[in-house]
Amino acid sequence: MSHLSDDEEFRHLEAYLSGLHQGQPPDVEPLLSKYPQLRSAVDCLKALDEFAPSRAPADGPGEQTGQWRHTPTVHPGDLTPSQCVAAEAGNALGDDVLSSLVFGEYDLCEEIGRGGMGVVYRARQCKLDRSVAIKMIASHLATRDAIALLQQEAKAAAALSHPNIVDIYQVGEVFGQHYIAMKYVGGPSLAARLQGGPLDPSEAARLLVVMARAVQHLHSHGVVHRDLKPSNILFDEEGNPFVSDFGLAKVGAGDALASGAVAGTPPYMSPEQAGGGEKTPVGPASDIYSLGAILFEMLTGRAPFTGDTSAEILMKVLEEDPPRPRALNSQVPWELQTICLKCLEKSPAERYASAAALADDLERFLRHDALEAQPPAAWQRVWRWARREPALATRVVAIPFFYLIRRIVDGGFNPWTASVVLLWIGLSVVCQRCLRSPRWAMTARFAWGAVDVVCLVLLLLMMGRQEGVMSPLIVAFPLLIVGSGIWFHRRLVWFVTGLSIAGYLVLMIAYALLHGSVAAGAAPQAFEPLAHPRFHIYFILAMAVLGCVVAYQVSRVRALTQYFDKARGK
């Protein structure tokens, strides 16, 4: 196969188009036999030319349902080869081309949204002269599962009739493109509104009342949305919110998703949805969680859980509690924080019993009445803090615990050791607070890793001649390496691994200096480290191998996450 430059490709295709426009299409078979890579573009141009105005009958060009056609506003010669290939594959064309294309009985006007499965266009329904939104699957993505999801979306929305749910008008297929025609909502999405920052708490509560009533209508008809998020809440010109996009909806007992599949948007997914519904079925309570996540973002300007990858966010959804909204925005009323956190409970049984109950409590807040939801007890707040800040909580508990064990064994108080323990805990608190700042989050992770290794080495050095490098506490080095993988950053894993090996070498040197009697010829004691150097070599090699394994697993998780994020169009 001969290679063509972009300029040469354009020249050949332009010559072919000129012949088409003159009604004398040239014989391109010799050209295609030499340059077969041009065949898809030539076939596309030929198909487009067949629907050009000059080829159409006088009584209405291109009105046949199931075909694309050109209107006089665009000349086929204006199309680039890449646009032609995109058209042949069923992908979205540029807005200048779309403005002149007819899709069945609809005139496509502009692209208004794009996702991992397809695109959404604003269009005009010619027969009824009204604006609609057309959601379609690109041909190259129209797998059996994708088509099943689109049909499930239509089935979920078609049976619903609510003033705050987007209506479905038509479902069908045009020229190989599966589509849904739905009500066009001309205002911005909630996600666009939140780009300007959090909303007023009372406004956020009023909006969520409307959303919760609409979601209750879904649940009363056996529909679970499963993808509630700010970008799926649309506003019309009067500012009324609409629930849209039922692509992942579950209708009754039917489900187009595979069993155990994780689908949705991680920051707004419930724990049971993040777990694939294997332990706890995904039901109406999952939508209540998503409504709580939307309320959280309206109050604070950010989702309850954030991270660099979807895997990191899903881990937080499954294992951590969200921060208190008032910690991020002090203007949030206590009552609204209580409502929000009740929606975001890990257990479905601890959330509101229904979306209607959530709406009722929000209306009580707006009327300044007593809420149904009650703030958690003291022991619950402590437990939730531990789940919310696991890295800090484990250190606050584990470090003093081991220190007390040492005191019991040694039977004495060492002020220097106690000082290191307090310093370790204090620096951990500082690092944890720095993690909340996007500017210092990455630096804080590396600093925390260094603090852990340095403080551990200091504690082991203070144990003196009796233990030091031979202390059972050296198992903390591998634990620190494994723990560094929780942040899903390979460089951090290597950093902690290198520091741990360096810290262990420092302990070896210090132990050797303290046991100089061995070097002077005295008989070594039992299990003397200088008499058994292979132990230290094996231990260092084990830490290095462990670091490699953890770093490799982190790389795999990040690569898979990036792939699926890209596939979802994130």
Protein backbone atom coordinates (compact mmCIF):
# COMPACT_ATOMS: atom_id res chain seq x y z
CA MET A 1 0.00 0.00 0.00
CA SER A 2 1.46 3.35 -1.08
CA HIS A 3 1.45 6.18 1.40
CA LEU A 4 -0.20 9.52 0.66
CA SER A 5 0.44 12.80 2.35
CA ASP A 6 -2.52 14.88 3.51
CA ASP A 7 -2.03 17.33 0.61
CA GLU A 8 -1.97 14.54 -1.95
CA GLU A 9 -5.07 12.97 -0.42
CA PHE A 10 -6.91 16.28 -0.64
CA ARG A 11 -5.89 16.78 -4.28
CA HIS A 12 -7.16 13.34 -5.34
CA LEU A 13 -10.44 13.72 -3.51
CA GLU A 14 -10.92 17.26 -4.79
CA ALA A 15 -10.45 16.05 -8.37
CA TYR A 16 -13.01 13.32 -7.78
CA LEU A 17 -15.48 15.85 -6.33
CA SER A 18 -15.01 18.19 -9.30
CA GLY A 19 -16.00 15.38 -11.64
CA LEU A 20 -19.05 14.62 -9.52
CA HIS A 21 -20.16 18.25 -9.60
CA GLN A 22 -19.84 18.32 -13.39
CA GLY A 23 -21.90 15.17 -13.74
CA GLN A 24 -18.91 13.21 -15.08
CA PRO A 25 -17.50 11.19 -12.20
CA PRO A 26 -14.03 9.93 -13.08
CA ASP A 27 -13.05 6.29 -12.95
CA VAL A 28 -11.39 5.98 -9.55
CA GLU A 29 -10.73 2.24 -9.57
CA PRO A 30 -7.11 2.65 -10.80
CA LEU A 31 -6.59 5.25 -8.07
CA LEU A 32 -8.16 3.03 -5.39
CA SER A 33 -6.16 0.00 -6.47
CA LYS A 34 -3.01 2.03 -5.88
CA TYR A 35 -4.28 3.87 -2.78
CA PRO A 36 -6.93 1.62 -1.12
CA GLN A 37 -6.92 3.81 1.98
CA LEU A 38 -9.00 6.34 0.01
CA ARG A 39 -11.91 3.97 -0.61
CA SER A 40 -13.90 4.83 2.53
CA ALA A 41 -13.61 8.57 1.84
CA VAL A 42 -14.57 8.13 -1.85
CA ASP A 43 -17.58 6.00 -0.94
CA CYS A 44 -18.64 8.60 1.57
CA LEU A 45 -18.38 11.45 -0.95
CA LYS A 46 -20.33 9.41 -3.46
CA ALA A 47 -23.10 8.81 -0.92
CA LEU A 48 -23.21 12.48 0.07
CA ASP A 49 -23.38 13.53 -3.57
CA GLU A 50 -26.38 11.29 -4.16
CA PHE A 51 -28.31 13.37 -1.64
CA ALA A 52 -27.10 16.73 -2.92
CA PRO A 53 -29.79 19.20 -4.08
CA SER A 54 -28.90 18.81 -7.77
CA ARG A 55 -29.70 15.11 -7.58
CA ALA A 56 -32.96 15.48 -5.65
CA PRO A 57 -36.43 15.63 -7.20
CA ALA A 58 -38.03 19.06 -7.49
CA ASP A 59 -40.93 18.29 -5.17
CA GLY A 60 -38.78 18.02 -2.06
CA PRO A 61 -35.17 16.93 -1.93
CA GLY A 62 -34.19 14.17 0.40
CA GLU A 63 -37.46 13.78 2.26
CA GLN A 64 -37.12 10.00 2.32
CA THR A 65 -37.12 8.81 5.90
CA GLY A 66 -33.97 6.94 6.75
CA GLN A 67 -31.52 8.98 4.67
CA TRP A 68 -29.18 11.89 5.15
CA ARG A 69 -29.46 14.71 2.62
CA HIS A 70 -27.69 18.00 1.93
CA THR A 71 -29.48 21.30 1.68
CA PRO A 72 -28.15 24.09 -0.53
CA THR A 73 -26.28 25.77 2.32
CA VAL A 74 -23.28 23.42 2.13
CA HIS A 75 -21.37 22.30 -0.91
CA PRO A 76 -19.98 18.74 -0.82
CA GLY A 77 -16.61 20.15 -1.76
CA ASP A 78 -16.48 21.93 1.60
CA LEU A 79 -16.18 18.58 3.39
CA THR A 80 -12.74 17.42 4.43
CA PRO A 81 -11.78 13.75 4.05
CA SER A 82 -11.83 13.34 7.81
CA GLN A 83 -15.41 14.66 7.93
CA CYS A 84 -16.41 12.26 5.18
CA VAL A 85 -14.93 9.31 7.02
CA ALA A 86 -16.70 10.50 10.16
CA ALA A 87 -19.99 10.64 8.30
CA GLU A 88 -19.48 7.16 6.88
CA ALA A 89 -18.73 5.84 10.39
CA GLY A 90 -21.74 7.58 11.89
CA ASN A 91 -19.76 10.00 14.01
CA ALA A 92 -20.69 13.63 14.66
CA LEU A 93 -19.74 16.14 11.99
CA GLY A 94 -18.86 19.74 12.54
CA ASP A 95 -21.59 22.24 13.40
CA ASP A 96 -21.31 23.91 10.00
CA VAL A 97 -22.13 20.59 8.31
CA LEU A 98 -24.80 19.58 10.82
CA SER A 99 -26.68 22.83 10.27
CA SER A 100 -27.44 21.64 6.75
CA LEU A 101 -28.25 17.97 7.39
CA VAL A 102 -31.66 16.37 7.68
CA PHE A 103 -32.06 13.32 9.86
CA GLY A 104 -35.30 11.65 8.87
CA GLU A 105 -38.05 14.15 9.68
CA TYR A 106 -35.67 16.30 11.77
CA ASP A 107 -33.35 19.14 10.74
CA LEU A 108 -30.19 18.89 12.85
CA CYS A 109 -29.14 22.31 14.11
CA GLU A 110 -26.22 21.95 16.53
CA GLU A 111 -24.51 19.56 18.92
CA ILE A 112 -25.50 20.26 22.52
CA GLY A 113 -24.01 17.29 24.35
CA ARG A 114 -21.67 14.35 24.02
CA GLY A 115 -21.09 11.22 26.06
CA GLY A 116 -19.34 7.89 25.87
CA MET A 117 -22.18 6.29 23.88
CA GLY A 118 -23.13 9.02 21.41
CA VAL A 119 -24.14 12.63 20.94
CA VAL A 120 -27.18 14.86 21.51
CA TYR A 121 -28.27 17.45 18.96
CA ARG A 122 -30.73 20.28 19.00
CA ALA A 123 -33.03 19.72 16.05
CA ARG A 124 -36.30 20.94 14.55
CA GLN A 125 -39.10 18.51 13.90
CA CYS A 126 -40.28 19.68 10.47
CA LYS A 127 -43.82 18.28 10.52
CA LEU A 128 -44.74 19.75 13.91
CA ASP A 129 -42.41 22.76 13.70
CA ARG A 130 -40.97 22.36 17.20
CA SER A 131 -37.51 22.14 18.71
CA VAL A 132 -36.46 18.74 20.00
CA ALA A 133 -33.35 17.06 21.32
CA ILE A 134 -32.06 14.07 19.34
CA LYS A 135 -29.92 11.56 21.20
CA MET A 136 -28.23 9.00 18.95
CA ILE A 137 -25.64 6.27 19.10
CA ALA A 138 -22.78 6.56 16.64
CA SER A 139 -22.78 3.66 14.18
CA HIS A 140 -19.38 2.35 15.24
CA LEU A 141 -20.61 2.24 18.87
CA ALA A 142 -24.01 0.70 18.11
CA THR A 143 -23.34 -2.64 19.77
CA ARG A 144 -26.16 -4.84 20.96
CA ASP A 145 -25.63 -3.67 24.55
CA ALA A 146 -25.58 0.01 23.55
CA ILE A 147 -28.80 -0.36 21.57
CA ALA A 148 -30.38 -2.22 24.49
CA LEU A 149 -29.48 0.65 26.82
CA LEU A 150 -30.98 3.19 24.41
CA GLN A 151 -34.18 1.16 24.15
CA GLN A 152 -34.25 0.81 27.92
CA GLU A 153 -33.95 4.58 28.25
CA ALA A 154 -36.92 5.07 25.94
CA LYS A 155 -38.93 2.43 27.81
CA ALA A 156 -38.10 4.04 31.16
CA ALA A 157 -39.10 7.55 30.13
CA ALA A 158 -42.04 6.75 27.85
CA ALA A 159 -44.29 5.60 30.70
CA LEU A 160 -43.60 8.72 32.77
CA SER A 161 -45.61 11.91 32.75
CA HIS A 162 -44.34 14.56 35.14
CA PRO A 163 -43.83 18.31 34.68
CA ASN A 164 -40.18 18.02 35.74
CA ILE A 165 -39.17 14.95 33.72
CA VAL A 166 -38.04 15.29 30.11
CA ASP A 167 -40.65 13.79 27.76
CA ILE A 168 -39.77 11.20 25.11
CA TYR A 169 -41.39 11.87 21.70
CA GLN A 170 -40.09 9.19 19.37
CA VAL A 171 -37.68 6.26 19.13
CA GLY A 172 -36.33 4.87 15.89
CA GLU A 173 -33.51 4.28 13.46
CA VAL A 174 -32.42 6.47 10.55
CA PHE A 175 -29.74 5.44 8.08
CA GLY A 176 -28.22 3.02 10.61
CA GLN A 177 -28.41 5.57 13.46
CA HIS A 178 -30.48 4.58 16.48
CA TYR A 179 -31.99 7.62 18.15
CA ILE A 180 -34.42 9.05 20.69
CA ALA A 181 -36.30 12.31 20.09
CA MET A 182 -37.14 14.08 23.34
CA LYS A 183 -38.29 17.42 24.66
CA TYR A 184 -35.74 20.17 24.14
CA VAL A 185 -34.91 22.05 27.34
CA GLY A 186 -33.21 25.27 26.32
CA GLY A 187 -31.60 26.41 29.55
CA PRO A 188 -28.25 25.39 31.06
CA SER A 189 -27.65 22.28 33.13
CA LEU A 190 -27.15 22.34 36.87
CA ALA A 191 -23.50 21.48 36.25
CA ALA A 192 -23.12 24.67 34.21
CA ARG A 193 -24.75 26.72 36.96
CA LEU A 194 -22.45 25.23 39.58
CA GLN A 195 -19.38 26.36 37.67
CA GLY A 196 -19.98 29.75 39.24
CA GLY A 197 -19.76 28.30 42.75
CA PRO A 198 -22.23 26.97 45.35
CA LEU A 199 -25.85 28.08 45.41
CA ASP A 200 -27.69 29.84 48.19
CA PRO A 201 -28.75 27.15 50.70
CA SER A 202 -32.46 28.02 50.46
CA GLU A 203 -32.33 27.95 46.66
CA ALA A 204 -30.53 24.60 46.75
CA ALA A 205 -33.20 23.20 49.07
CA ARG A 206 -36.04 24.43 46.84
CA LEU A 207 -34.44 22.94 43.73
CA LEU A 208 -33.89 19.59 45.41
CA VAL A 209 -37.52 19.48 46.53
CA VAL A 210 -38.56 19.61 42.86
CA MET A 211 -35.95 16.99 41.88
CA ALA A 212 -36.96 14.68 44.73
CA ARG A 213 -40.65 14.89 43.76
CA ALA A 214 -39.74 14.00 40.17
CA VAL A 215 -37.58 11.09 41.35
CA GLN A 216 -40.41 9.88 43.57
CA HIS A 217 -42.58 9.78 40.43
CA LEU A 218 -39.92 7.56 38.82
CA HIS A 219 -39.85 5.20 41.77
CA SER A 220 -43.65 4.97 41.93
CA HIS A 221 -43.56 3.67 38.33
CA GLY A 222 -40.85 1.10 39.06
CA VAL A 223 -37.99 3.12 37.53
CA VAL A 224 -34.60 3.67 39.21
CA HIS A 225 -32.57 6.36 37.44
CA ARG A 226 -29.04 5.28 38.54
CA ASP A 227 -27.31 8.27 36.92
CA LEU A 228 -28.57 11.35 38.74
CA LYS A 229 -25.93 14.09 38.57
CA PRO A 230 -25.81 17.86 37.93
CA SER A 231 -25.25 17.48 34.18
CA ASN A 232 -28.49 15.45 33.94
CA ILE A 233 -30.54 18.18 35.63
CA LEU A 234 -31.59 20.66 32.95
CA PHE A 235 -33.29 24.05 33.28
CA ASP A 236 -35.74 25.68 30.92
CA GLU A 237 -35.88 29.41 30.18
CA GLU A 238 -38.01 30.00 33.30
CA GLY A 239 -35.51 28.23 35.56
CA ASN A 240 -37.55 25.08 36.17
CA PRO A 241 -35.42 21.94 36.67
CA PHE A 242 -35.95 18.77 34.62
CA VAL A 243 -34.62 15.27 35.27
CA SER A 244 -33.17 13.83 32.05
CA ASP A 245 -31.04 11.01 30.60
CA PHE A 246 -32.45 7.60 31.50
CA GLY A 247 -29.69 5.68 29.73
CA LEU A 248 -28.82 3.67 32.85
CA ALA A 249 -32.33 3.47 34.26
CA LYS A 250 -33.59 0.20 35.68
CA VAL A 251 -37.21 -0.56 34.79
CA GLY A 252 -38.90 -3.03 37.15
CA ALA A 253 -36.96 -6.27 37.35
CA GLY A 254 -35.40 -5.77 33.91
CA ASP A 255 -31.87 -4.51 33.49
CA ALA A 256 -29.87 -4.05 30.30
CA LEU A 257 -26.65 -3.97 32.32
CA ALA A 258 -24.71 -7.13 32.96
CA SER A 259 -24.88 -8.55 36.46
CA GLY A 260 -22.21 -7.02 38.66
CA ALA A 261 -21.46 -4.25 36.15
CA VAL A 262 -20.42 -0.90 37.60
CA ALA A 263 -22.07 1.88 35.58
CA GLY A 264 -22.71 5.49 36.44
CA THR A 265 -20.71 8.55 37.41
CA PRO A 266 -18.38 7.76 40.36
CA PRO A 267 -18.75 11.00 42.40
CA TYR A 268 -22.55 10.56 42.50
CA MET A 269 -22.81 6.77 42.76
CA SER A 270 -24.08 5.10 45.91
CA PRO A 271 -21.84 2.54 47.65
CA GLU A 272 -24.07 -0.33 46.49
CA GLN A 273 -23.90 0.94 42.91
CA ALA A 274 -20.12 1.35 43.15
CA GLY A 275 -19.95 -2.28 44.29
CA GLY A 276 -21.89 -3.47 41.24
CA GLY A 277 -24.98 -4.32 43.28
CA GLU A 278 -23.53 -7.71 44.21
CA LYS A 279 -23.90 -7.41 48.00
CA THR A 280 -26.75 -4.87 48.13
CA PRO A 281 -29.21 -4.49 45.23
CA VAL A 282 -29.34 -1.10 43.55
CA GLY A 283 -32.81 0.30 44.25
CA PRO A 284 -34.58 3.60 44.95
CA ALA A 285 -32.25 4.27 47.91
CA SER A 286 -29.40 4.61 45.39
CA ASP A 287 -31.15 7.56 43.75
CA ILE A 288 -31.65 9.14 47.18
CA TYR A 289 -27.89 8.91 47.72
CA SER A 290 -27.32 10.60 44.35
CA LEU A 291 -29.75 13.38 45.30
CA GLY A 292 -27.72 13.88 48.47
CA ALA A 293 -24.53 14.11 46.39
CA ILE A 294 -26.19 16.74 44.18
CA LEU A 295 -27.29 18.69 47.27
CA PHE A 296 -23.74 18.44 48.63
CA GLU A 297 -22.35 19.99 45.46
CA MET A 298 -24.99 22.73 45.40
CA LEU A 299 -24.00 23.65 48.97
CA THR A 300 -20.22 23.37 48.68
CA GLY A 301 -19.36 23.70 44.98
CA ARG A 302 -17.77 20.23 44.79
CA ALA A 303 -18.82 16.59 44.83
CA PRO A 304 -18.68 14.63 48.11
CA PHE A 305 -15.70 12.61 46.88
CA THR A 306 -12.99 13.71 44.48
CA GLY A 307 -9.86 12.07 43.12
CA ASP A 308 -7.50 11.86 40.18
CA THR A 309 -9.04 8.63 38.84
CA SER A 310 -12.39 6.89 38.91
CA ALA A 311 -10.86 4.02 40.91
CA GLU A 312 -9.72 6.41 43.63
CA ILE A 313 -13.17 7.99 43.83
CA LEU A 314 -14.91 4.61 43.95
CA MET A 315 -12.65 3.51 46.80
CA LYS A 316 -13.67 6.61 48.76
CA VAL A 317 -17.34 6.04 48.00
CA LEU A 318 -17.07 2.49 49.32
CA GLU A 319 -14.87 3.10 52.35
CA GLU A 320 -14.96 6.73 53.49
CA ASP A 321 -17.63 9.07 54.80
CA PRO A 322 -18.06 12.43 53.06
CA PRO A 323 -16.79 15.59 54.73
CA ARG A 324 -19.30 17.78 56.53
CA PRO A 325 -20.68 20.46 54.18
CA ARG A 326 -20.14 23.13 56.87
CA ALA A 327 -16.44 22.30 56.91
CA LEU A 328 -16.30 23.43 53.27
CA ASN A 329 -18.88 26.22 53.47
CA SER A 330 -19.65 27.71 56.87
CA GLN A 331 -22.82 29.34 55.46
CA VAL A 332 -24.56 25.96 55.21
CA PRO A 333 -27.27 25.66 57.91
CA TRP A 334 -26.92 22.83 60.39
CA GLU A 335 -30.33 21.44 59.42
CA LEU A 336 -29.46 21.27 55.72
CA GLN A 337 -26.17 19.57 56.56
CA THR A 338 -28.10 16.95 58.56
CA ILE A 339 -30.43 16.30 55.59
CA CYS A 340 -27.51 16.03 53.18
CA LEU A 341 -25.51 13.61 55.33
CA LYS A 342 -28.57 11.41 55.93
CA CYS A 343 -28.90 10.99 52.17
CA LEU A 344 -25.22 10.05 51.96
CA GLU A 345 -25.31 7.26 54.54
CA LYS A 346 -23.41 4.14 53.48
CA SER A 347 -26.25 1.83 54.43
CA PRO A 348 -29.44 2.23 52.32
CA ALA A 349 -31.52 1.51 55.43
CA GLU A 350 -30.12 4.61 57.15
CA ARG A 351 -31.09 6.99 54.34
CA TYR A 352 -34.54 8.48 53.83
CA ALA A 353 -37.21 5.85 53.28
CA SER A 354 -38.25 7.50 50.01
CA ALA A 355 -37.57 10.50 47.81
CA ALA A 356 -40.91 11.91 49.00
CA ALA A 357 -39.68 11.73 52.62
CA LEU A 358 -36.57 13.66 51.56
CA ALA A 359 -38.72 16.31 49.87
CA ASP A 360 -40.92 16.55 52.99
CA ASP A 361 -37.89 17.15 55.24
CA LEU A 362 -36.54 19.80 52.86
CA GLU A 363 -39.90 21.58 53.01
CA ARG A 364 -39.76 21.42 56.82
CA PHE A 365 -36.38 23.11 56.64
CA LEU A 366 -37.77 25.84 54.37
CA ARG A 367 -40.68 26.36 56.83
CA HIS A 368 -38.25 26.35 59.79
CA ASP A 369 -39.99 23.32 61.33
CA ALA A 370 -38.32 20.44 63.18
CA LEU A 371 -36.69 17.87 60.89
CA GLU A 372 -37.37 14.17 60.73
CA ALA A 373 -33.61 13.55 60.36
CA GLN A 374 -31.57 13.82 63.55
CA PRO A 375 -27.83 14.48 63.88
CA PRO A 376 -25.72 11.42 64.77
CA ALA A 377 -24.68 10.59 68.32
CA ALA A 378 -21.17 11.28 69.60
CA TRP A 379 -19.91 7.72 69.06
CA GLN A 380 -21.32 7.78 65.52
CA ARG A 381 -19.49 11.04 64.80
CA VAL A 382 -16.22 9.52 66.01
CA TRP A 383 -16.72 6.40 63.92
CA ARG A 384 -17.59 8.47 60.84
CA TRP A 385 -14.56 10.67 61.37
CA ALA A 386 -12.40 7.55 61.44
CA ARG A 387 -13.93 6.35 58.17
CA ARG A 388 -13.64 9.83 56.65
CA GLU A 389 -9.98 10.24 57.63
CA PRO A 390 -8.66 6.64 57.69
CA ALA A 391 -5.00 7.58 57.20
CA LEU A 392 -5.01 9.92 60.18
CA ALA A 393 -7.27 7.73 62.33
CA THR A 394 -5.02 4.67 61.98
CA ARG A 395 -1.99 6.68 63.09
CA VAL A 396 -3.80 8.33 65.99
CA VAL A 397 -4.83 4.89 67.26
CA ALA A 398 -1.88 2.70 66.27
CA ILE A 399 1.04 4.92 67.33
CA PRO A 400 -0.09 5.48 70.96
CA PHE A 401 -1.11 1.81 71.19
CA PHE A 402 2.35 0.52 70.32
CA TYR A 403 3.90 3.13 72.58
CA LEU A 404 1.81 1.91 75.52
CA ILE A 405 2.78 -1.68 74.75
CA ARG A 406 6.44 -0.69 74.87
CA ARG A 407 5.94 1.09 78.18
CA ILE A 408 4.32 -2.01 79.68
CA VAL A 409 7.16 -4.22 78.43
CA ASP A 410 9.97 -1.86 79.45
CA GLY A 411 8.28 -0.72 82.65
CA GLY A 412 9.53 2.84 82.35
CA PHE A 413 8.79 6.22 80.81
CA ASN A 414 11.07 7.65 78.14
CA PRO A 415 10.33 11.34 77.53
CA TRP A 416 12.21 11.33 74.22
CA THR A 417 10.19 8.44 72.87
CA ALA A 418 6.97 10.12 74.03
CA SER A 419 8.05 13.33 72.29
CA VAL A 420 8.58 11.49 69.00
CA VAL A 421 5.13 9.88 69.31
CA LEU A 422 3.47 13.25 69.88
CA LEU A 423 5.48 14.82 67.04
CA TRP A 424 4.44 12.00 64.71
CA ILE A 425 0.76 12.47 65.53
CA GLY A 426 1.00 16.27 65.26
CA LEU A 427 2.69 16.18 61.86
CA SER A 428 0.11 13.65 60.65
CA VAL A 429 -2.67 16.08 61.57
CA VAL A 430 -0.91 18.86 59.63
CA CYS A 431 -0.46 16.64 56.57
CA GLN A 432 -4.10 15.57 56.70
CA ARG A 433 -5.24 19.20 56.68
CA CYS A 434 -2.94 19.99 53.77
CA LEU A 435 -4.56 17.17 51.78
CA ARG A 436 -7.77 19.22 51.65
CA SER A 437 -6.06 21.92 49.63
CA PRO A 438 -5.69 21.12 45.90
CA ARG A 439 -2.52 23.22 45.86
CA TRP A 440 -0.76 21.24 48.60
CA ALA A 441 -2.43 17.82 48.30
CA MET A 442 0.35 16.09 46.35
CA THR A 443 3.15 17.69 48.40
CA ALA A 444 1.36 16.63 51.59
CA ARG A 445 1.29 12.99 50.48
CA PHE A 446 5.03 12.90 49.91
CA ALA A 447 5.64 14.82 53.14
CA TRP A 448 3.45 12.39 55.07
CA GLY A 449 5.38 9.44 53.67
CA ALA A 450 8.65 11.06 54.79
CA VAL A 451 7.24 11.84 58.25
CA ASP A 452 6.19 8.21 58.76
CA VAL A 453 9.58 6.77 57.82
CA VAL A 454 11.65 9.34 59.74
CA CYS A 455 9.59 9.06 62.93
CA LEU A 456 9.67 5.26 62.76
CA VAL A 457 13.46 5.29 62.40
CA LEU A 458 13.79 7.69 65.36
CA LEU A 459 11.64 5.46 67.57
CA LEU A 460 13.66 2.37 66.65
CA LEU A 461 16.95 4.20 67.27
CA MET A 462 15.77 5.20 70.76
CA MET A 463 15.30 1.54 71.65
CA GLY A 464 19.08 1.32 71.91
CA ARG A 465 21.21 -1.77 72.15
CA GLN A 466 18.44 -4.17 73.02
CA GLU A 467 16.43 -3.91 69.80
CA GLY A 468 16.91 -1.23 67.13
CA VAL A 469 17.16 -2.92 63.75
CA MET A 470 16.21 -6.26 65.31
CA SER A 471 12.94 -4.95 66.78
CA PRO A 472 9.70 -6.66 65.69
CA LEU A 473 8.51 -3.16 64.81
CA ILE A 474 10.56 -3.26 61.59
CA VAL A 475 7.45 -4.86 60.02
CA ALA A 476 6.14 -1.28 59.93
CA PHE A 477 8.43 -0.59 56.93
CA PRO A 478 6.56 -3.02 54.60
CA LEU A 479 3.27 -1.75 55.98
CA LEU A 480 4.22 1.81 55.05
CA ILE A 481 5.08 0.68 51.52
CA VAL A 482 1.74 -1.08 51.13
CA GLY A 483 -0.10 1.90 52.61
CA SER A 484 1.48 4.27 50.10
CA GLY A 485 -0.38 2.45 47.33
CA ILE A 486 -3.71 3.71 48.68
CA TRP A 487 -3.02 7.10 47.08
CA PHE A 488 -2.74 5.50 43.59
CA HIS A 489 0.50 7.33 42.72
CA ARG A 490 3.40 5.22 41.52
CA ARG A 491 6.06 7.85 42.27
CA LEU A 492 4.83 8.05 45.86
CA VAL A 493 5.20 4.26 46.19
CA TRP A 494 8.80 4.43 44.95
CA PHE A 495 9.48 7.39 47.22
CA VAL A 496 8.28 5.57 50.35
CA THR A 497 10.04 2.37 49.29
CA GLY A 498 13.34 4.19 48.84
CA LEU A 499 13.00 6.00 52.17
CA SER A 500 12.14 2.75 53.95
CA ILE A 501 15.23 1.01 52.58
CA ALA A 502 17.39 4.04 53.48
CA GLY A 503 15.89 4.14 56.98
CA TYR A 504 16.61 0.43 57.48
CA LEU A 505 20.22 0.95 56.38
CA VAL A 506 20.54 3.74 58.96
CA LEU A 507 19.31 1.34 61.64
CA MET A 508 21.84 -1.27 60.49
CA ILE A 509 24.72 1.21 60.72
CA ALA A 510 23.60 2.45 64.14
CA TYR A 511 23.25 -1.11 65.43
CA ALA A 512 26.71 -2.02 64.15
CA LEU A 513 28.26 1.02 65.85
CA LEU A 514 26.57 0.16 69.14
CA HIS A 515 27.84 -3.44 68.97
CA GLY A 516 31.48 -2.73 68.31
CA SER A 517 32.45 -5.56 70.63
CA VAL A 518 31.72 -8.00 67.84
CA ALA A 519 34.13 -6.24 65.52
CA ALA A 520 36.72 -6.33 68.30
CA GLY A 521 36.60 -10.13 68.37
CA ALA A 522 34.07 -10.86 71.08
CA ALA A 523 31.76 -13.79 70.61
CA PRO A 524 28.52 -12.69 68.90
CA GLN A 525 25.28 -12.98 70.80
CA ALA A 526 22.40 -15.12 69.58
CA PHE A 527 21.00 -13.87 66.29
CA GLU A 528 23.56 -11.07 66.20
CA PRO A 529 22.84 -9.07 63.03
CA LEU A 530 26.49 -8.79 61.98
CA ALA A 531 26.75 -12.57 62.26
CA HIS A 532 23.69 -13.02 60.04
CA PRO A 533 24.01 -10.42 57.24
CA ARG A 534 21.78 -12.45 54.91
CA PHE A 535 18.77 -11.59 57.09
CA HIS A 536 19.19 -7.89 56.32
CA ILE A 537 19.84 -8.51 52.63
CA TYR A 538 16.70 -10.60 52.38
CA PHE A 539 14.67 -7.98 54.23
CA ILE A 540 15.89 -5.13 52.00
CA LEU A 541 15.25 -7.19 48.87
CA ALA A 542 11.77 -8.04 50.17
CA MET A 543 10.99 -4.32 50.62
CA ALA A 544 12.24 -3.58 47.10
CA VAL A 545 10.16 -6.39 45.59
CA LEU A 546 7.13 -5.27 47.59
CA GLY A 547 7.58 -1.73 46.27
CA CYS A 548 7.72 -3.09 42.69
CA VAL A 549 4.55 -5.11 43.20
CA VAL A 550 2.61 -2.21 44.73
CA ALA A 551 3.84 0.22 42.05
CA TYR A 552 2.86 -2.24 39.32
CA GLN A 553 -0.63 -2.70 40.75
CA VAL A 554 -1.05 1.08 41.02
CA SER A 555 -0.01 1.46 37.36
CA ARG A 556 -2.49 -1.21 36.28
CA VAL A 557 -5.36 0.39 38.18
CA ARG A 558 -4.56 3.84 36.78
CA ALA A 559 -4.26 2.52 33.21
CA LEU A 560 -7.57 0.68 33.44
CA THR A 561 -9.25 3.70 34.99
CA GLN A 562 -7.97 6.03 32.27
CA TYR A 563 -9.15 3.61 29.61
CA PHE A 564 -12.67 3.37 31.00
CA ASP A 565 -12.80 7.13 31.64
CA LYS A 566 -11.93 7.69 27.99
CA ALA A 567 -14.47 5.08 26.88
CA ARG A 568 -17.15 6.89 28.88
CA GLY A 569 -16.19 10.15 27.21
CA LYS A 570 -15.06 11.70 30.48
